[in-house]
Amino acid sequence: MGFIRKQEEKFALKLLEWRYKQQQLPLPEKEVLRQNAAEIVSQAHAIARQRGGNVMAILKDMFSSNR
């Protein structure tokens, strides 16, 4: 796994933690969060391949659209 992918997953992890706290839900185990973050980043990469675009912007949109 490359440096950029790791950074994207860390960013997604922070967004997931923020989302759980915002909704006042208990945080799952760290490993579960990491797996979810990795899946979200994979989905963002798939979207970027289909439509073009920036993965970080897609991640932000994914989290902001779920409010």
PDB file of N, CA and C in Angstrom:
ATOM      1  N   MET A   1       0.858  -1.167   0.000  1.00  0.00           N
ATOM      2  CA  MET A   1       0.000   0.000   0.000  1.00  0.00           C
ATOM      3  C   MET A   1       0.903   1.228   0.000  1.00  0.00           C
ATOM      4  N   GLY A   2       0.574   2.169  -0.844  1.00  0.00           N
ATOM      5  CA  GLY A   2       1.380   3.362  -0.978  1.00  0.00           C
ATOM      6  C   GLY A   2       1.093   4.415   0.087  1.00  0.00           C
ATOM      7  N   PHE A   3       1.970   5.384   0.113  1.00  0.00           N
ATOM      8  CA  PHE A   3       1.878   6.468   1.090  1.00  0.00           C
ATOM      9  C   PHE A   3       0.560   7.222   0.963  1.00  0.00           C
ATOM     10  N   ILE A   4       0.186   7.560  -0.255  1.00  0.00           N
ATOM     11  CA  ILE A   4      -1.027   8.359  -0.468  1.00  0.00           C
ATOM     12  C   ILE A   4      -2.265   7.568  -0.041  1.00  0.00           C
ATOM     13  N   ARG A   5      -2.297   6.293  -0.369  1.00  0.00           N
ATOM     14  CA  ARG A   5      -3.447   5.453   0.018  1.00  0.00           C
ATOM     15  C   ARG A   5      -3.568   5.405   1.541  1.00  0.00           C
ATOM     16  N   LYS A   6      -2.448   5.282   2.238  1.00  0.00           N
ATOM     17  CA  LYS A   6      -2.472   5.269   3.704  1.00  0.00           C
ATOM     18  C   LYS A   6      -3.025   6.587   4.242  1.00  0.00           C
ATOM     19  N   GLN A   7      -2.622   7.693   3.637  1.00  0.00           N
ATOM     20  CA  GLN A   7      -3.118   8.997   4.070  1.00  0.00           C
ATOM     21  C   GLN A   7      -4.611   9.126   3.818  1.00  0.00           C
ATOM     22  N   GLU A   8      -5.072   8.623   2.685  1.00  0.00           N
ATOM     23  CA  GLU A   8      -6.507   8.650   2.388  1.00  0.00           C
ATOM     24  C   GLU A   8      -7.284   7.828   3.410  1.00  0.00           C
ATOM     25  N   GLU A   9      -6.749   6.679   3.782  1.00  0.00           N
ATOM     26  CA  GLU A   9      -7.432   5.839   4.763  1.00  0.00           C
ATOM     27  C   GLU A   9      -7.439   6.493   6.143  1.00  0.00           C
ATOM     28  N   LYS A  10      -6.358   7.171   6.508  1.00  0.00           N
ATOM     29  CA  LYS A  10      -6.335   7.891   7.786  1.00  0.00           C
ATOM     30  C   LYS A  10      -7.372   9.005   7.786  1.00  0.00           C
ATOM     31  N   PHE A  11      -7.479   9.703   6.669  1.00  0.00           N
ATOM     32  CA  PHE A  11      -8.473  10.765   6.541  1.00  0.00           C
ATOM     33  C   PHE A  11      -9.888  10.200   6.668  1.00  0.00           C
ATOM     34  N   ALA A  12     -10.149   9.095   5.976  1.00  0.00           N
ATOM     35  CA  ALA A  12     -11.470   8.456   6.046  1.00  0.00           C
ATOM     36  C   ALA A  12     -11.758   7.973   7.466  1.00  0.00           C
ATOM     37  N   LEU A  13     -10.746   7.471   8.154  1.00  0.00           N
ATOM     38  CA  LEU A  13     -10.907   7.023   9.538  1.00  0.00           C
ATOM     39  C   LEU A  13     -11.317   8.187  10.436  1.00  0.00           C
ATOM     40  N   LYS A  14     -10.670   9.323  10.266  1.00  0.00           N
ATOM     41  CA  LYS A  14     -11.019  10.507  11.058  1.00  0.00           C
ATOM     42  C   LYS A  14     -12.443  10.969  10.746  1.00  0.00           C
ATOM     43  N   LEU A  15     -12.824  10.913   9.484  1.00  0.00           N
ATOM     44  CA  LEU A  15     -14.191  11.289   9.117  1.00  0.00           C
ATOM     45  C   LEU A  15     -15.208  10.323   9.720  1.00  0.00           C
ATOM     46  N   LEU A  16     -14.895   9.039   9.726  1.00  0.00           N
ATOM     47  CA  LEU A  16     -15.798   8.060  10.341  1.00  0.00           C
ATOM     48  C   LEU A  16     -15.955   8.315  11.835  1.00  0.00           C
ATOM     49  N   GLU A  17     -14.833   8.547  12.508  1.00  0.00           N
ATOM     50  CA  GLU A  17     -14.887   8.826  13.945  1.00  0.00           C
ATOM     51  C   GLU A  17     -15.714  10.075  14.213  1.00  0.00           C
ATOM     52  N   TRP A  18     -15.510  11.094  13.401  1.00  0.00           N
ATOM     53  CA  TRP A  18     -16.259  12.340  13.549  1.00  0.00           C
ATOM     54  C   TRP A  18     -17.755  12.089  13.364  1.00  0.00           C
ATOM     55  N   ARG A  19     -18.084  11.274  12.349  1.00  0.00           N
ATOM     56  CA  ARG A  19     -19.492  10.986  12.051  1.00  0.00           C
ATOM     57  C   ARG A  19     -20.161  10.243  13.217  1.00  0.00           C
ATOM     58  N   TYR A  20     -19.458   9.266  13.780  1.00  0.00           N
ATOM     59  CA  TYR A  20     -20.013   8.538  14.929  1.00  0.00           C
ATOM     60  C   TYR A  20     -20.226   9.473  16.108  1.00  0.00           C
ATOM     61  N   LYS A  21     -19.256  10.332  16.379  1.00  0.00           N
ATOM     62  CA  LYS A  21     -19.384  11.265  17.503  1.00  0.00           C
ATOM     63  C   LYS A  21     -20.508  12.258  17.265  1.00  0.00           C
ATOM     64  N   GLN A  22     -20.624  12.729  16.025  1.00  0.00           N
ATOM     65  CA  GLN A  22     -21.676  13.688  15.677  1.00  0.00           C
ATOM     66  C   GLN A  22     -23.057  13.081  15.887  1.00  0.00           C
ATOM     67  N   GLN A  23     -23.202  11.806  15.561  1.00  0.00           N
ATOM     68  CA  GLN A  23     -24.487  11.129  15.717  1.00  0.00           C
ATOM     69  C   GLN A  23     -24.653  10.514  17.105  1.00  0.00           C
ATOM     70  N   GLN A  24     -23.676  10.757  17.965  1.00  0.00           N
ATOM     71  CA  GLN A  24     -23.691  10.258  19.347  1.00  0.00           C
ATOM     72  C   GLN A  24     -23.862   8.745  19.406  1.00  0.00           C
ATOM     73  N   LEU A  25     -23.138   8.067  18.537  1.00  0.00           N
ATOM     74  CA  LEU A  25     -23.134   6.609  18.511  1.00  0.00           C
ATOM     75  C   LEU A  25     -21.823   6.110  19.109  1.00  0.00           C
ATOM     76  N   PRO A  26     -21.842   4.955  19.757  1.00  0.00           N
ATOM     77  CA  PRO A  26     -20.584   4.415  20.285  1.00  0.00           C
ATOM     78  C   PRO A  26     -19.651   4.015  19.140  1.00  0.00           C
ATOM     79  N   LEU A  27     -18.374   4.287  19.322  1.00  0.00           N
ATOM     80  CA  LEU A  27     -17.396   3.925  18.302  1.00  0.00           C
ATOM     81  C   LEU A  27     -17.180   2.419  18.294  1.00  0.00           C
ATOM     82  N   PRO A  28     -17.174   1.816  17.106  1.00  0.00           N
ATOM     83  CA  PRO A  28     -16.823   0.398  17.031  1.00  0.00           C
ATOM     84  C   PRO A  28     -15.329   0.221  17.331  1.00  0.00           C
ATOM     85  N   GLU A  29     -14.884  -1.003  17.379  1.00  0.00           N
ATOM     86  CA  GLU A  29     -13.472  -1.268  17.604  1.00  0.00           C
ATOM     87  C   GLU A  29     -12.644  -0.625  16.496  1.00  0.00           C
ATOM     88  N   LYS A  30     -11.406  -0.283  16.852  1.00  0.00           N
ATOM     89  CA  LYS A  30     -10.529   0.424  15.915  1.00  0.00           C
ATOM     90  C   LYS A  30     -10.329  -0.363  14.617  1.00  0.00           C
ATOM     91  N   GLU A  31     -10.194  -1.686  14.721  1.00  0.00           N
ATOM     92  CA  GLU A  31      -9.975  -2.502  13.529  1.00  0.00           C
ATOM     93  C   GLU A  31     -11.193  -2.473  12.608  1.00  0.00           C
ATOM     94  N   VAL A  32     -12.377  -2.456  13.168  1.00  0.00           N
ATOM     95  CA  VAL A  32     -13.599  -2.366  12.364  1.00  0.00           C
ATOM     96  C   VAL A  32     -13.636  -1.019  11.644  1.00  0.00           C
ATOM     97  N   LEU A  33     -13.276   0.042  12.358  1.00  0.00           N
ATOM     98  CA  LEU A  33     -13.229   1.366  11.734  1.00  0.00           C
ATOM     99  C   LEU A  33     -12.207   1.397  10.603  1.00  0.00           C
ATOM    100  N   ARG A  34     -11.047   0.783  10.830  1.00  0.00           N
ATOM    101  CA  ARG A  34     -10.010   0.750   9.781  1.00  0.00           C
ATOM    102  C   ARG A  34     -10.500   0.017   8.538  1.00  0.00           C
ATOM    103  N   GLN A  35     -11.187  -1.100   8.745  1.00  0.00           N
ATOM    104  CA  GLN A  35     -11.722  -1.851   7.609  1.00  0.00           C
ATOM    105  C   GLN A  35     -12.767  -1.037   6.857  1.00  0.00           C
ATOM    106  N   ASN A  36     -13.629  -0.351   7.596  1.00  0.00           N
ATOM    107  CA  ASN A  36     -14.642   0.504   6.962  1.00  0.00           C
ATOM    108  C   ASN A  36     -13.985   1.634   6.190  1.00  0.00           C
ATOM    109  N   ALA A  37     -12.952   2.234   6.762  1.00  0.00           N
ATOM    110  CA  ALA A  37     -12.242   3.318   6.089  1.00  0.00           C
ATOM    111  C   ALA A  37     -11.597   2.816   4.806  1.00  0.00           C
ATOM    112  N   ALA A  38     -10.997   1.639   4.846  1.00  0.00           N
ATOM    113  CA  ALA A  38     -10.372   1.071   3.651  1.00  0.00           C
ATOM    114  C   ALA A  38     -11.412   0.815   2.567  1.00  0.00           C
ATOM    115  N   GLU A  39     -12.581   0.327   2.956  1.00  0.00           N
ATOM    116  CA  GLU A  39     -13.654   0.079   1.987  1.00  0.00           C
ATOM    117  C   GLU A  39     -14.159   1.383   1.380  1.00  0.00           C
ATOM    118  N   ILE A  40     -14.294   2.399   2.199  1.00  0.00           N
ATOM    119  CA  ILE A  40     -14.751   3.697   1.707  1.00  0.00           C
ATOM    120  C   ILE A  40     -13.748   4.282   0.713  1.00  0.00           C
ATOM    121  N   VAL A  41     -12.462   4.156   1.023  1.00  0.00           N
ATOM    122  CA  VAL A  41     -11.429   4.664   0.110  1.00  0.00           C
ATOM    123  C   VAL A  41     -11.462   3.877  -1.202  1.00  0.00           C
ATOM    124  N   SER A  42     -11.670   2.563  -1.124  1.00  0.00           N
ATOM    125  CA  SER A  42     -11.776   1.759  -2.344  1.00  0.00           C
ATOM    126  C   SER A  42     -12.956   2.217  -3.202  1.00  0.00           C
ATOM    127  N   GLN A  43     -14.079   2.502  -2.559  1.00  0.00           N
ATOM    128  CA  GLN A  43     -15.245   2.999  -3.289  1.00  0.00           C
ATOM    129  C   GLN A  43     -14.950   4.355  -3.918  1.00  0.00           C
ATOM    130  N   ALA A  44     -14.263   5.216  -3.192  1.00  0.00           N
ATOM    131  CA  ALA A  44     -13.918   6.537  -3.728  1.00  0.00           C
ATOM    132  C   ALA A  44     -12.995   6.410  -4.939  1.00  0.00           C
ATOM    133  N   HIS A  45     -12.070   5.460  -4.894  1.00  0.00           N
ATOM    134  CA  HIS A  45     -11.186   5.237  -6.046  1.00  0.00           C
ATOM    135  C   HIS A  45     -11.974   4.730  -7.249  1.00  0.00           C
ATOM    136  N   ALA A  46     -12.943   3.860  -7.003  1.00  0.00           N
ATOM    137  CA  ALA A  46     -13.776   3.350  -8.096  1.00  0.00           C
ATOM    138  C   ALA A  46     -14.573   4.488  -8.728  1.00  0.00           C
ATOM    139  N   ILE A  47     -15.122   5.356  -7.904  1.00  0.00           N
ATOM    140  CA  ILE A  47     -15.878   6.509  -8.411  1.00  0.00           C
ATOM    141  C   ILE A  47     -14.953   7.420  -9.211  1.00  0.00           C
ATOM    142  N   ALA A  48     -13.747   7.651  -8.704  1.00  0.00           N
ATOM    143  CA  ALA A  48     -12.788   8.518  -9.398  1.00  0.00           C
ATOM    144  C   ALA A  48     -12.411   7.928 -10.753  1.00  0.00           C
ATOM    145  N   ARG A  49     -12.283   6.600 -10.829  1.00  0.00           N
ATOM    146  CA  ARG A  49     -11.962   5.966 -12.114  1.00  0.00           C
ATOM    147  C   ARG A  49     -13.113   6.127 -13.102  1.00  0.00           C
ATOM    148  N   GLN A  50     -14.346   5.996 -12.620  1.00  0.00           N
ATOM    149  CA  GLN A  50     -15.502   6.079 -13.509  1.00  0.00           C
ATOM    150  C   GLN A  50     -15.750   7.504 -13.991  1.00  0.00           C
ATOM    151  N   ARG A  51     -15.749   8.441 -13.058  1.00  0.00           N
ATOM    152  CA  ARG A  51     -16.136   9.816 -13.375  1.00  0.00           C
ATOM    153  C   ARG A  51     -14.961  10.748 -13.548  1.00  0.00           C
ATOM    154  N   GLY A  52     -13.806  10.322 -13.050  1.00  0.00           N
ATOM    155  CA  GLY A  52     -12.686  11.241 -12.968  1.00  0.00           C
ATOM    156  C   GLY A  52     -12.866  12.069 -11.708  1.00  0.00           C
ATOM    157  N   GLY A  53     -11.843  12.699 -11.282  1.00  0.00           N
ATOM    158  CA  GLY A  53     -11.972  13.535 -10.098  1.00  0.00           C
ATOM    159  C   GLY A  53     -10.956  13.187  -9.036  1.00  0.00           C
ATOM    160  N   ASN A  54     -11.024  13.937  -7.982  1.00  0.00           N
ATOM    161  CA  ASN A  54     -10.088  13.852  -6.881  1.00  0.00           C
ATOM    162  C   ASN A  54     -10.667  12.946  -5.796  1.00  0.00           C
ATOM    163  N   VAL A  55      -9.893  11.982  -5.343  1.00  0.00           N
ATOM    164  CA  VAL A  55     -10.363  11.028  -4.341  1.00  0.00           C
ATOM    165  C   VAL A  55     -10.721  11.738  -3.040  1.00  0.00           C
ATOM    166  N   MET A  56      -9.909  12.690  -2.610  1.00  0.00           N
ATOM    167  CA  MET A  56     -10.193  13.400  -1.361  1.00  0.00           C
ATOM    168  C   MET A  56     -11.511  14.166  -1.456  1.00  0.00           C
ATOM    169  N   ALA A  57     -11.766  14.791  -2.582  1.00  0.00           N
ATOM    170  CA  ALA A  57     -13.024  15.515  -2.762  1.00  0.00           C
ATOM    171  C   ALA A  57     -14.206  14.540  -2.748  1.00  0.00           C
ATOM    172  N   ILE A  58     -14.019  13.376  -3.346  1.00  0.00           N
ATOM    173  CA  ILE A  58     -15.077  12.368  -3.357  1.00  0.00           C
ATOM    174  C   ILE A  58     -15.345  11.883  -1.935  1.00  0.00           C
ATOM    175  N   LEU A  59     -14.280  11.669  -1.139  1.00  0.00           N
ATOM    176  CA  LEU A  59     -14.457  11.258   0.254  1.00  0.00           C
ATOM    177  C   LEU A  59     -15.255  12.298   1.027  1.00  0.00           C
ATOM    178  N   LYS A  60     -14.907  13.558   0.860  1.00  0.00           N
ATOM    179  CA  LYS A  60     -15.638  14.630   1.547  1.00  0.00           C
ATOM    180  C   LYS A  60     -17.103  14.624   1.136  1.00  0.00           C
ATOM    181  N   ASP A  61     -17.354  14.466  -0.154  1.00  0.00           N
ATOM    182  CA  ASP A  61     -18.736  14.433  -0.651  1.00  0.00           C
ATOM    183  C   ASP A  61     -19.502  13.232  -0.092  1.00  0.00           C
ATOM    184  N   MET A  62     -18.833  12.079   0.010  1.00  0.00           N
ATOM    185  CA  MET A  62     -19.479  10.882   0.532  1.00  0.00           C
ATOM    186  C   MET A  62     -19.949  11.124   1.976  1.00  0.00           C
ATOM    187  N   PHE A  63     -19.125  11.778   2.765  1.00  0.00           N
ATOM    188  CA  PHE A  63     -19.489  11.999   4.159  1.00  0.00           C
ATOM    189  C   PHE A  63     -20.473  13.148   4.318  1.00  0.00           C
ATOM    190  N   SER A  64     -20.355  14.171   3.497  1.00  0.00           N
ATOM    191  CA  SER A  64     -21.268  15.302   3.632  1.00  0.00           C
ATOM    192  C   SER A  64     -22.669  14.967   3.118  1.00  0.00           C
ATOM    193  N   SER A  65     -22.758  14.042   2.162  1.00  0.00           N
ATOM    194  CA  SER A  65     -24.069  13.685   1.619  1.00  0.00           C
ATOM    195  C   SER A  65     -24.853  12.773   2.550  1.00  0.00           C
ATOM    196  N   ASN A  66     -24.208  12.221   3.570  1.00  0.00           N
ATOM    197  CA  ASN A  66     -24.892  11.319   4.509  1.00  0.00           C
ATOM    198  C   ASN A  66     -25.376  12.023   5.751  1.00  0.00           C
ATOM    199  N   ARG A  67     -25.437  13.315   5.757  1.00  0.00           N
ATOM    200  CA  ARG A  67     -25.865  14.065   6.952  1.00  0.00           C
ATOM    201  C   ARG A  67     -27.245  13.786   7.258  1.00  0.00           C
TER     202      ARG A  67
END
